[in-house]
Amino acid sequence: MARELARGGVEVCAIVGTNEQSVESARAGHRDRHGLQVTRYTSLAELLLREQIDTVAICSPAEAHLPDLDTAVAAGCHVLCEKPLWWAPDMTRQSAEQVEACATRLVEASEAEGRYLALQTQWPYTLPAFRELHPDVVWEGRAVAEVSMWLGPTGKGAPAVVESGSHLLSLLHALVGAGRVEEVEAASAGDGAQLAVRFVYAHAQGRTRAELSLTQTLASPRPAGYRVDGRSVERRVELPDYRISFAADDRSIPLLDPLAARVGDFIRCARDGQRPDRTSLIDGILQLRALVAAVEGLEE
């Protein structure tokens, strides 16, 4: 994230870590890998008091997002937040109205300050490569009937859905626009190491059947790909250079790093004064909550 922000013309000047040891390790990594000279802090509030900052990238675990989101938004910063927007252990026990109110507060506070708030979701930026591999697919003028995605998260059970669910939801939003998650069903095997979450995504054009398949994978590169109306692509990663490609049947093409595309888009939107996408941010956290609740129901 820091590398791509710097490549996009952002001055990366400070980082926050949980303790002195971890933040010093991160500071050294920024210097050695990317040539970035950054000041270290163990508190975002302290950083914002001492530095002239207009942009914050939140890259911490989901359970740590909300306090830093509140701090960064209150300070009038543009914010690029790792997905999901936030999470809490009792998220599915909160009412939908409570979750919606929290997301709305963050979005409206950003809007009031004229700042851009966005999620770091990468998969929509792979759609041009999908279309290149499947040029015969006609998107315009018809609804997408079916979308499925398979991923290899490091976690299992409900935490795996927290880790991965926003990927499929952001892809659906990019394909067919705003929608509602309905008829959610979940199934698991291997003590939650293998999961399938199926649902209907209802939107203005119709109803899209969706499925998220997750297999806990601890080693990199992890499996990833998706299928739209019977046409599939699979992500392939060549290590150690992390060269990414998309493959379909016997064909493959290089894939520009979607992280770089996402960060570049964020920088452009922030500089152009674009407003946060209320629909994807507010609906997205409510939709993720519904998916996680279905998996938690299996575990009870």
Protein backbone atom coordinates (compact mmCIF):
# COMPACT_ATOMS: atom_id res chain seq x y z
CA MET A 1 0.00 0.00 0.00
CA ALA A 2 2.75 2.45 0.94
CA ARG A 3 4.67 1.64 -2.25
CA GLU A 4 1.65 2.26 -4.47
CA LEU A 5 0.69 5.47 -2.70
CA ALA A 6 4.24 6.74 -3.22
CA ARG A 7 4.18 5.72 -6.88
CA GLY A 8 0.96 7.69 -7.24
CA GLY A 9 2.63 10.89 -6.02
CA VAL A 10 1.59 10.75 -2.36
CA GLU A 11 4.25 11.67 0.19
CA VAL A 12 4.29 8.72 2.59
CA CYS A 13 5.76 10.33 5.69
CA ALA A 14 4.59 8.39 8.77
CA ILE A 15 3.33 4.99 9.89
CA VAL A 16 1.52 3.64 12.93
CA GLY A 17 2.14 0.27 14.56
CA THR A 18 0.83 -1.48 17.64
CA ASN A 19 4.09 -1.29 19.60
CA GLU A 20 7.63 0.07 19.31
CA GLN A 21 9.09 -3.21 18.08
CA SER A 22 6.53 -3.83 15.33
CA VAL A 23 6.50 -0.25 14.07
CA GLU A 24 10.30 -0.10 13.94
CA SER A 25 10.30 -3.31 11.90
CA ALA A 26 7.74 -1.77 9.55
CA ARG A 27 9.71 1.48 9.31
CA ALA A 28 12.85 -0.44 8.35
CA GLY A 29 10.88 -2.41 5.77
CA HIS A 30 9.56 0.76 4.17
CA ARG A 31 13.11 2.10 3.95
CA ASP A 32 14.80 -1.06 2.70
CA ARG A 33 12.15 -2.27 0.24
CA HIS A 34 10.71 0.98 -1.05
CA GLY A 35 13.19 3.73 -0.18
CA LEU A 36 10.63 5.50 2.01
CA GLN A 37 11.79 7.50 5.01
CA VAL A 38 8.91 7.50 7.48
CA THR A 39 8.41 8.59 11.06
CA ARG A 40 7.04 5.94 13.42
CA TYR A 41 4.15 6.21 15.86
CA THR A 42 2.13 3.83 18.01
CA SER A 43 -1.01 6.00 17.92
CA LEU A 44 -2.83 7.52 14.96
CA ALA A 45 -4.09 10.33 17.20
CA GLU A 46 -0.51 11.26 18.10
CA LEU A 47 0.58 11.09 14.46
CA LEU A 48 -2.20 13.46 13.41
CA LEU A 49 -1.26 15.89 16.18
CA ARG A 50 2.39 16.00 15.12
CA GLU A 51 2.25 15.66 11.32
CA GLN A 52 0.48 17.61 8.59
CA ILE A 53 -1.53 14.70 7.15
CA ASP A 54 -4.39 14.77 4.66
CA THR A 55 -4.62 11.05 3.79
CA VAL A 56 -4.70 7.91 5.94
CA ALA A 57 -4.49 4.31 4.75
CA ILE A 58 -5.88 1.86 7.30
CA CYS A 59 -4.21 -1.54 6.84
CA SER A 60 -4.79 -3.09 10.27
CA PRO A 61 -7.01 -6.11 11.07
CA ALA A 62 -10.72 -5.44 10.60
CA GLU A 63 -11.46 -5.41 14.34
CA ALA A 64 -9.11 -2.44 14.75
CA HIS A 65 -10.54 -0.29 11.95
CA LEU A 66 -13.35 1.63 13.61
CA PRO A 67 -11.39 3.69 16.18
CA ASP A 68 -8.88 4.76 13.53
CA LEU A 69 -11.66 5.48 11.03
CA ASP A 70 -13.30 7.76 13.58
CA THR A 71 -9.99 9.48 14.32
CA ALA A 72 -9.00 9.96 10.66
CA VAL A 73 -12.44 11.15 9.53
CA ALA A 74 -12.72 13.57 12.47
CA ALA A 75 -9.31 14.98 11.50
CA GLY A 76 -10.59 15.72 7.99
CA CYS A 77 -8.49 13.11 6.16
CA HIS A 78 -9.10 11.16 3.00
CA VAL A 79 -9.22 7.50 4.04
CA LEU A 80 -8.47 4.31 2.13
CA CYS A 81 -9.48 1.42 4.38
CA GLU A 82 -8.72 -2.26 3.99
CA LYS A 83 -11.86 -4.32 3.58
CA PRO A 84 -14.19 -4.65 5.34
CA LEU A 85 -14.92 -1.13 6.52
CA TRP A 86 -14.80 -2.46 10.09
CA TRP A 87 -15.80 -5.50 12.09
CA ALA A 88 -16.61 -6.29 15.71
CA PRO A 89 -17.06 -9.61 17.54
CA ASP A 90 -20.73 -8.81 18.20
CA MET A 91 -21.45 -7.42 14.72
CA THR A 92 -24.12 -9.96 13.80
CA ARG A 93 -25.82 -9.50 17.19
CA GLN A 94 -26.16 -5.78 16.61
CA SER A 95 -29.26 -4.72 14.77
CA ALA A 96 -29.02 -3.84 11.10
CA GLU A 97 -30.11 -0.33 12.07
CA GLN A 98 -27.14 0.04 14.45
CA VAL A 99 -24.65 -1.10 11.83
CA GLU A 100 -26.21 1.11 9.16
CA ALA A 101 -26.15 4.11 11.51
CA CYS A 102 -22.43 3.64 12.21
CA ALA A 103 -21.55 3.34 8.51
CA THR A 104 -23.76 6.32 7.66
CA ARG A 105 -22.06 8.42 10.33
CA LEU A 106 -18.64 7.72 8.84
CA VAL A 107 -19.76 8.47 5.29
CA GLU A 108 -21.60 11.66 6.20
CA ALA A 109 -18.69 12.92 8.31
CA SER A 110 -16.36 12.42 5.33
CA GLU A 111 -18.81 14.19 3.04
CA ALA A 112 -19.11 17.10 5.45
CA GLU A 113 -15.34 17.56 5.40
CA GLY A 114 -15.20 17.22 1.60
CA ARG A 115 -13.04 14.13 1.97
CA TYR A 116 -13.02 10.80 0.13
CA LEU A 117 -13.60 7.55 2.02
CA ALA A 118 -13.17 4.25 0.18
CA LEU A 119 -12.54 0.55 0.66
CA GLN A 120 -9.43 -1.18 -0.59
CA THR A 121 -11.30 -3.70 -2.76
CA GLN A 122 -9.32 -4.88 -5.77
CA TRP A 123 -11.34 -7.42 -7.74
CA PRO A 124 -13.46 -4.96 -9.76
CA TYR A 125 -10.20 -3.75 -11.33
CA THR A 126 -9.69 -7.20 -12.87
CA LEU A 127 -12.85 -7.00 -15.01
CA PRO A 128 -11.04 -5.55 -18.06
CA ALA A 129 -8.78 -8.61 -18.08
CA PHE A 130 -11.81 -10.87 -17.73
CA ARG A 131 -13.38 -9.20 -20.75
CA GLU A 132 -10.15 -9.58 -22.71
CA LEU A 133 -10.15 -13.33 -22.09
CA HIS A 134 -13.88 -13.59 -22.84
CA PRO A 135 -14.52 -10.98 -25.57
CA ASP A 136 -17.69 -12.74 -26.74
CA VAL A 137 -19.54 -12.06 -23.50
CA VAL A 138 -22.10 -9.30 -23.96
CA TRP A 139 -22.58 -7.28 -20.78
CA GLU A 140 -24.68 -4.37 -21.91
CA GLY A 141 -28.44 -4.61 -21.99
CA ARG A 142 -28.89 -7.76 -19.94
CA ALA A 143 -28.66 -8.87 -16.34
CA VAL A 144 -25.88 -11.10 -15.08
CA ALA A 145 -27.49 -14.38 -14.04
CA GLU A 146 -24.74 -15.98 -11.96
CA VAL A 147 -21.46 -14.98 -10.28
CA SER A 148 -19.25 -17.26 -8.21
CA MET A 149 -15.86 -16.69 -6.62
CA TRP A 150 -13.35 -19.01 -5.00
CA LEU A 151 -10.64 -17.83 -2.62
CA GLY A 152 -8.11 -19.24 -0.16
CA PRO A 153 -8.28 -17.14 3.02
CA THR A 154 -5.91 -17.72 5.92
CA GLY A 155 -8.80 -18.04 8.37
CA LYS A 156 -11.69 -20.45 8.55
CA GLY A 157 -15.33 -20.33 9.58
CA ALA A 158 -16.95 -16.94 10.07
CA PRO A 159 -13.58 -15.07 10.18
CA ALA A 160 -12.86 -16.35 6.66
CA VAL A 161 -16.06 -14.69 5.43
CA VAL A 162 -15.11 -11.45 7.19
CA GLU A 163 -11.75 -11.67 5.42
CA SER A 164 -13.13 -12.54 1.98
CA GLY A 165 -16.78 -11.58 1.63
CA SER A 166 -16.18 -8.01 0.52
CA HIS A 167 -14.34 -9.29 -2.57
CA LEU A 168 -17.41 -10.96 -4.03
CA LEU A 169 -19.73 -8.17 -2.90
CA SER A 170 -17.56 -5.51 -4.57
CA LEU A 171 -17.46 -7.56 -7.78
CA LEU A 172 -21.25 -7.85 -7.80
CA HIS A 173 -21.59 -4.11 -7.23
CA ALA A 174 -19.24 -3.43 -10.14
CA LEU A 175 -21.12 -5.81 -12.44
CA VAL A 176 -24.76 -4.94 -11.72
CA GLY A 177 -24.80 -2.00 -9.32
CA ALA A 178 -26.48 -1.57 -5.95
CA GLY A 179 -28.43 -4.51 -4.62
CA ARG A 180 -29.78 -6.49 -1.68
CA VAL A 181 -28.51 -9.79 -0.32
CA GLU A 182 -31.38 -12.27 0.02
CA GLU A 183 -31.90 -16.00 0.63
CA VAL A 184 -28.49 -16.60 2.20
CA GLU A 185 -27.48 -20.24 2.74
CA ALA A 186 -24.19 -21.59 4.06
CA ALA A 187 -22.52 -25.00 4.23
CA SER A 188 -19.19 -26.04 5.73
CA ALA A 189 -16.82 -28.99 5.96
CA GLY A 190 -13.52 -29.69 7.67
CA ASP A 191 -14.41 -27.77 10.83
CA GLY A 192 -15.06 -24.63 8.78
CA ALA A 193 -11.88 -24.91 6.69
CA GLN A 194 -14.11 -25.28 3.63
CA LEU A 195 -17.11 -23.02 3.26
CA ALA A 196 -19.74 -22.23 0.67
CA VAL A 197 -22.06 -19.25 1.03
CA ARG A 198 -24.85 -18.94 -1.53
CA PHE A 199 -27.28 -16.07 -1.89
CA VAL A 200 -29.34 -14.01 -4.28
CA TYR A 201 -28.23 -10.49 -5.15
CA ALA A 202 -31.38 -8.55 -6.04
CA HIS A 203 -30.81 -5.38 -8.05
CA ALA A 204 -32.49 -3.04 -10.51
CA GLN A 205 -31.80 -5.31 -13.49
CA GLY A 206 -33.03 -8.50 -11.85
CA ARG A 207 -31.68 -11.22 -9.57
CA THR A 208 -28.18 -12.64 -9.70
CA ARG A 209 -27.32 -15.96 -8.06
CA ALA A 210 -24.04 -15.70 -6.18
CA GLU A 211 -21.72 -18.15 -4.45
CA LEU A 212 -18.56 -17.64 -2.39
CA SER A 213 -16.37 -20.76 -1.99
CA LEU A 214 -13.59 -20.57 0.60
CA THR A 215 -10.83 -23.06 1.37
CA GLN A 216 -8.44 -22.22 4.18
CA THR A 217 -4.96 -21.84 2.65
CA LEU A 218 -1.93 -20.89 4.70
CA ALA A 219 0.75 -20.96 2.01
CA SER A 220 1.16 -18.41 -0.77
CA PRO A 221 0.17 -18.07 -3.51
CA ARG A 222 -3.41 -18.79 -2.51
CA PRO A 223 -6.09 -19.91 -4.98
CA ALA A 224 -8.38 -17.24 -6.41
CA GLY A 225 -10.72 -16.83 -9.34
CA TYR A 226 -14.28 -16.15 -10.36
CA ARG A 227 -16.95 -17.16 -12.85
CA VAL A 228 -19.58 -14.96 -14.50
CA ASP A 229 -22.38 -16.69 -16.38
CA GLY A 230 -20.31 -19.80 -16.99
CA ARG A 231 -17.09 -18.02 -18.04
CA SER A 232 -14.19 -18.43 -15.62
CA VAL A 233 -10.85 -16.83 -14.88
CA GLU A 234 -8.22 -18.02 -12.45
CA ARG A 235 -5.55 -15.86 -10.90
CA ARG A 236 -2.01 -17.20 -11.14
CA VAL A 237 0.93 -15.78 -9.22
CA GLU A 238 4.58 -16.44 -9.99
CA LEU A 239 6.87 -16.08 -7.00
CA PRO A 240 9.18 -14.57 -5.87
CA ASP A 241 8.52 -11.65 -8.24
CA TYR A 242 4.75 -11.82 -7.67
CA ARG A 243 3.93 -11.65 -11.38
CA ILE A 244 0.17 -11.97 -11.74
CA SER A 245 -1.76 -13.38 -14.67
CA PHE A 246 -5.33 -14.40 -15.46
CA ALA A 247 -5.93 -17.78 -17.07
CA ALA A 248 -8.98 -19.17 -18.85
CA ASP A 249 -8.77 -22.65 -20.37
CA ASP A 250 -5.49 -22.71 -22.33
CA ARG A 251 -5.16 -18.93 -22.53
CA SER A 252 -3.51 -16.52 -20.13
CA ILE A 253 -2.71 -12.81 -20.05
CA PRO A 254 -0.63 -10.65 -17.70
CA LEU A 255 -2.71 -8.91 -15.07
CA LEU A 256 -1.77 -5.46 -13.90
CA ASP A 257 -1.58 -5.51 -10.12
CA PRO A 258 -5.15 -4.66 -9.00
CA LEU A 259 -3.76 -3.15 -5.79
CA ALA A 260 -1.92 -0.58 -7.89
CA ALA A 261 -5.08 0.11 -9.90
CA ARG A 262 -7.17 0.53 -6.74
CA VAL A 263 -4.71 2.87 -5.07
CA GLY A 264 -4.34 4.92 -8.24
CA ASP A 265 -8.10 5.28 -8.51
CA PHE A 266 -8.32 6.34 -4.86
CA ILE A 267 -5.69 9.03 -5.39
CA ARG A 268 -7.51 10.40 -8.45
CA CYS A 269 -10.87 10.47 -6.66
CA ALA A 270 -9.39 12.20 -3.60
CA ARG A 271 -7.64 14.84 -5.73
CA ASP A 272 -10.76 15.43 -7.82
CA GLY A 273 -12.93 15.97 -4.74
CA GLN A 274 -15.16 12.97 -5.40
CA ARG A 275 -17.74 12.09 -2.77
CA PRO A 276 -17.67 8.68 -1.04
CA ASP A 277 -19.76 5.95 -2.66
CA ARG A 278 -22.46 5.78 -0.01
CA THR A 279 -24.12 2.74 -1.52
CA SER A 280 -21.10 0.48 -1.68
CA LEU A 281 -19.87 1.50 1.77
CA ILE A 282 -23.15 1.36 3.70
CA ASP A 283 -24.81 -1.49 1.83
CA GLY A 284 -21.53 -3.40 1.67
CA ILE A 285 -21.13 -3.70 5.46
CA LEU A 286 -24.78 -4.73 5.87
CA GLN A 287 -24.43 -7.34 3.13
CA LEU A 288 -21.26 -8.74 4.69
CA ARG A 289 -23.03 -8.93 8.05
CA ALA A 290 -25.75 -11.08 6.45
CA LEU A 291 -23.20 -13.49 4.96
CA VAL A 292 -21.29 -13.85 8.21
CA ALA A 293 -24.51 -14.39 10.19
CA ALA A 294 -25.38 -17.36 7.97
CA VAL A 295 -22.02 -19.01 8.69
CA GLU A 296 -22.24 -18.26 12.40
CA GLY A 297 -25.61 -20.04 12.35
CA LEU A 298 -23.78 -23.21 11.27
CA GLU A 299 -21.37 -22.92 14.17
CA GLU A 300 -23.95 -22.55 16.93
